[in-house]
Amino acid sequence: MVHGRVIGVRDDGTLNLSLRPRAYEEIGDDAAMILAFIDHDPSKSIPYTDKSDPDAIKMTFGISKGAFKRALGHLLKAHLIVEENGVTRRADQK
């Protein structure tokens, strides 16, 4: 059994399914993962920002740069993180 969502219906009635959630639904999981990375670091920061190399982001977090930037944007709007001097850190840390 597979859970998916219908993303299209062909003329012959065949359904196109996606197993991935919509982008706005993924933000929560990706943002939680990034916060976990930050919280597990002794300095409460990570050396990645929205300007970081896509390959480095993929290797570290296992997500695309686009998903990473969406998650960072969500966290920035929630005032949970700040980006400065090439690092991303918790907003309440100095």
C-alpha atoms as a PDB file:
ATOM      1  CA  MET A   1       0.000   0.000   0.000  1.00  0.00           C
ATOM      2  CA  VAL A   2       1.266   3.465  -0.898  1.00  0.00           C
ATOM      3  CA  HIS A   3       0.010   6.870   0.224  1.00  0.00           C
ATOM      4  CA  GLY A   4       0.240   9.615  -2.377  1.00  0.00           C
ATOM      5  CA  ARG A   5      -1.620  12.546  -3.789  1.00  0.00           C
ATOM      6  CA  VAL A   6      -3.091  12.907  -7.249  1.00  0.00           C
ATOM      7  CA  ILE A   7      -1.223  15.507  -9.272  1.00  0.00           C
ATOM      8  CA  GLY A   8      -2.855  14.848 -12.614  1.00  0.00           C
ATOM      9  CA  VAL A   9      -5.339  12.782 -14.569  1.00  0.00           C
ATOM     10  CA  ARG A  10      -4.592  11.746 -18.154  1.00  0.00           C
ATOM     11  CA  ASP A  11      -7.198  11.583 -20.909  1.00  0.00           C
ATOM     12  CA  ASP A  12      -7.301   7.782 -20.592  1.00  0.00           C
ATOM     13  CA  GLY A  13      -8.124   8.033 -16.868  1.00  0.00           C
ATOM     14  CA  THR A  14      -4.637   7.121 -15.640  1.00  0.00           C
ATOM     15  CA  LEU A  15      -3.676   8.963 -12.478  1.00  0.00           C
ATOM     16  CA  ASN A  16      -0.327  10.655 -11.923  1.00  0.00           C
ATOM     17  CA  LEU A  17       0.635  10.447  -8.261  1.00  0.00           C
ATOM     18  CA  SER A  18       3.271  12.146  -6.148  1.00  0.00           C
ATOM     19  CA  LEU A  19       4.667  10.498  -3.044  1.00  0.00           C
ATOM     20  CA  ARG A  20       6.185  13.746  -1.799  1.00  0.00           C
ATOM     21  CA  PRO A  21       4.210  16.347   0.154  1.00  0.00           C
ATOM     22  CA  ARG A  22       3.606  19.807  -1.267  1.00  0.00           C
ATOM     23  CA  ALA A  23       6.471  22.284  -0.796  1.00  0.00           C
ATOM     24  CA  TYR A  24       4.707  24.216   1.968  1.00  0.00           C
ATOM     25  CA  GLU A  25       4.065  20.957   3.862  1.00  0.00           C
ATOM     26  CA  GLU A  26       7.752  19.964   3.678  1.00  0.00           C
ATOM     27  CA  ILE A  27       8.892  23.220   5.249  1.00  0.00           C
ATOM     28  CA  GLY A  28       7.925  22.063   8.721  1.00  0.00           C
ATOM     29  CA  ASP A  29      10.019  18.898   8.562  1.00  0.00           C
ATOM     30  CA  ASP A  30      12.983  20.613   6.900  1.00  0.00           C
ATOM     31  CA  ALA A  31      12.883  23.515   9.353  1.00  0.00           C
ATOM     32  CA  ALA A  32      12.731  21.114  12.306  1.00  0.00           C
ATOM     33  CA  MET A  33      15.739  19.216  10.939  1.00  0.00           C
ATOM     34  CA  ILE A  34      17.766  22.432  10.509  1.00  0.00           C
ATOM     35  CA  LEU A  35      16.901  23.518  14.061  1.00  0.00           C
ATOM     36  CA  ALA A  36      18.013  20.097  15.318  1.00  0.00           C
ATOM     37  CA  PHE A  37      21.371  20.543  13.554  1.00  0.00           C
ATOM     38  CA  ILE A  38      21.754  23.971  15.156  1.00  0.00           C
ATOM     39  CA  ASP A  39      20.739  22.752  18.607  1.00  0.00           C
ATOM     40  CA  HIS A  40      23.181  19.829  18.527  1.00  0.00           C
ATOM     41  CA  ASP A  41      26.127  22.098  17.732  1.00  0.00           C
ATOM     42  CA  PRO A  42      27.927  23.420  20.847  1.00  0.00           C
ATOM     43  CA  SER A  43      27.959  26.960  19.421  1.00  0.00           C
ATOM     44  CA  LYS A  44      24.253  26.696  18.472  1.00  0.00           C
ATOM     45  CA  SER A  45      25.162  27.647  14.908  1.00  0.00           C
ATOM     46  CA  ILE A  46      25.865  26.057  11.535  1.00  0.00           C
ATOM     47  CA  PRO A  47      28.239  27.291   8.824  1.00  0.00           C
ATOM     48  CA  TYR A  48      25.475  27.380   6.205  1.00  0.00           C
ATOM     49  CA  THR A  49      23.308  30.240   4.936  1.00  0.00           C
ATOM     50  CA  ASP A  50      21.069  30.824   1.940  1.00  0.00           C
ATOM     51  CA  LYS A  51      24.277  31.609   0.006  1.00  0.00           C
ATOM     52  CA  SER A  52      25.899  28.209   0.707  1.00  0.00           C
ATOM     53  CA  ASP A  53      26.924  25.760  -2.000  1.00  0.00           C
ATOM     54  CA  PRO A  54      24.028  23.515  -3.131  1.00  0.00           C
ATOM     55  CA  ASP A  55      26.220  20.393  -3.043  1.00  0.00           C
ATOM     56  CA  ALA A  56      27.301  21.104   0.535  1.00  0.00           C
ATOM     57  CA  ILE A  57      23.669  21.561   1.557  1.00  0.00           C
ATOM     58  CA  LYS A  58      22.675  18.304  -0.158  1.00  0.00           C
ATOM     59  CA  MET A  59      25.521  16.373   1.494  1.00  0.00           C
ATOM     60  CA  THR A  60      24.861  17.755   4.973  1.00  0.00           C
ATOM     61  CA  PHE A  61      21.079  17.961   5.118  1.00  0.00           C
ATOM     62  CA  GLY A  62      19.951  15.665   2.305  1.00  0.00           C
ATOM     63  CA  ILE A  63      17.660  18.316   0.834  1.00  0.00           C
ATOM     64  CA  SER A  64      17.867  20.634  -2.159  1.00  0.00           C
ATOM     65  CA  LYS A  65      19.088  24.197  -1.847  1.00  0.00           C
ATOM     66  CA  GLY A  66      15.572  25.393  -2.680  1.00  0.00           C
ATOM     67  CA  ALA A  67      14.074  23.372   0.176  1.00  0.00           C
ATOM     68  CA  PHE A  68      16.862  24.605   2.460  1.00  0.00           C
ATOM     69  CA  LYS A  69      16.158  28.243   1.568  1.00  0.00           C
ATOM     70  CA  ARG A  70      12.397  27.777   2.089  1.00  0.00           C
ATOM     71  CA  ALA A  71      13.027  26.251   5.518  1.00  0.00           C
ATOM     72  CA  LEU A  72      15.472  29.041   6.450  1.00  0.00           C
ATOM     73  CA  GLY A  73      12.921  31.624   5.330  1.00  0.00           C
ATOM     74  CA  HIS A  74      10.296  30.013   7.519  1.00  0.00           C
ATOM     75  CA  LEU A  75      12.649  30.017  10.516  1.00  0.00           C
ATOM     76  CA  LEU A  76      13.738  33.610   9.857  1.00  0.00           C
ATOM     77  CA  LYS A  77      10.114  34.804   9.697  1.00  0.00           C
ATOM     78  CA  ALA A  78       9.425  33.012  12.973  1.00  0.00           C
ATOM     79  CA  HIS A  79      12.447  34.832  14.500  1.00  0.00           C
ATOM     80  CA  LEU A  80      14.016  31.518  15.520  1.00  0.00           C
ATOM     81  CA  ILE A  81      17.294  32.018  13.631  1.00  0.00           C
ATOM     82  CA  VAL A  82      19.519  34.797  12.310  1.00  0.00           C
ATOM     83  CA  GLU A  83      22.088  34.750   9.531  1.00  0.00           C
ATOM     84  CA  GLU A  84      25.254  36.768   9.929  1.00  0.00           C
ATOM     85  CA  ASN A  85      28.917  36.517   8.955  1.00  0.00           C
ATOM     86  CA  GLY A  86      28.381  33.329   6.958  1.00  0.00           C
ATOM     87  CA  VAL A  87      26.684  31.361   9.734  1.00  0.00           C
ATOM     88  CA  THR A  88      23.144  30.625  10.789  1.00  0.00           C
ATOM     89  CA  ARG A  89      22.511  30.594  14.522  1.00  0.00           C
ATOM     90  CA  ARG A  90      19.655  30.534  16.980  1.00  0.00           C
ATOM     91  CA  ALA A  91      18.200  34.000  17.440  1.00  0.00           C
ATOM     92  CA  ASP A  92      18.605  33.840  21.220  1.00  0.00           C
ATOM     93  CA  GLN A  93      22.335  32.960  21.044  1.00  0.00           C
ATOM     94  CA  LYS A  94      25.180  35.484  20.830  1.00  0.00           C
END
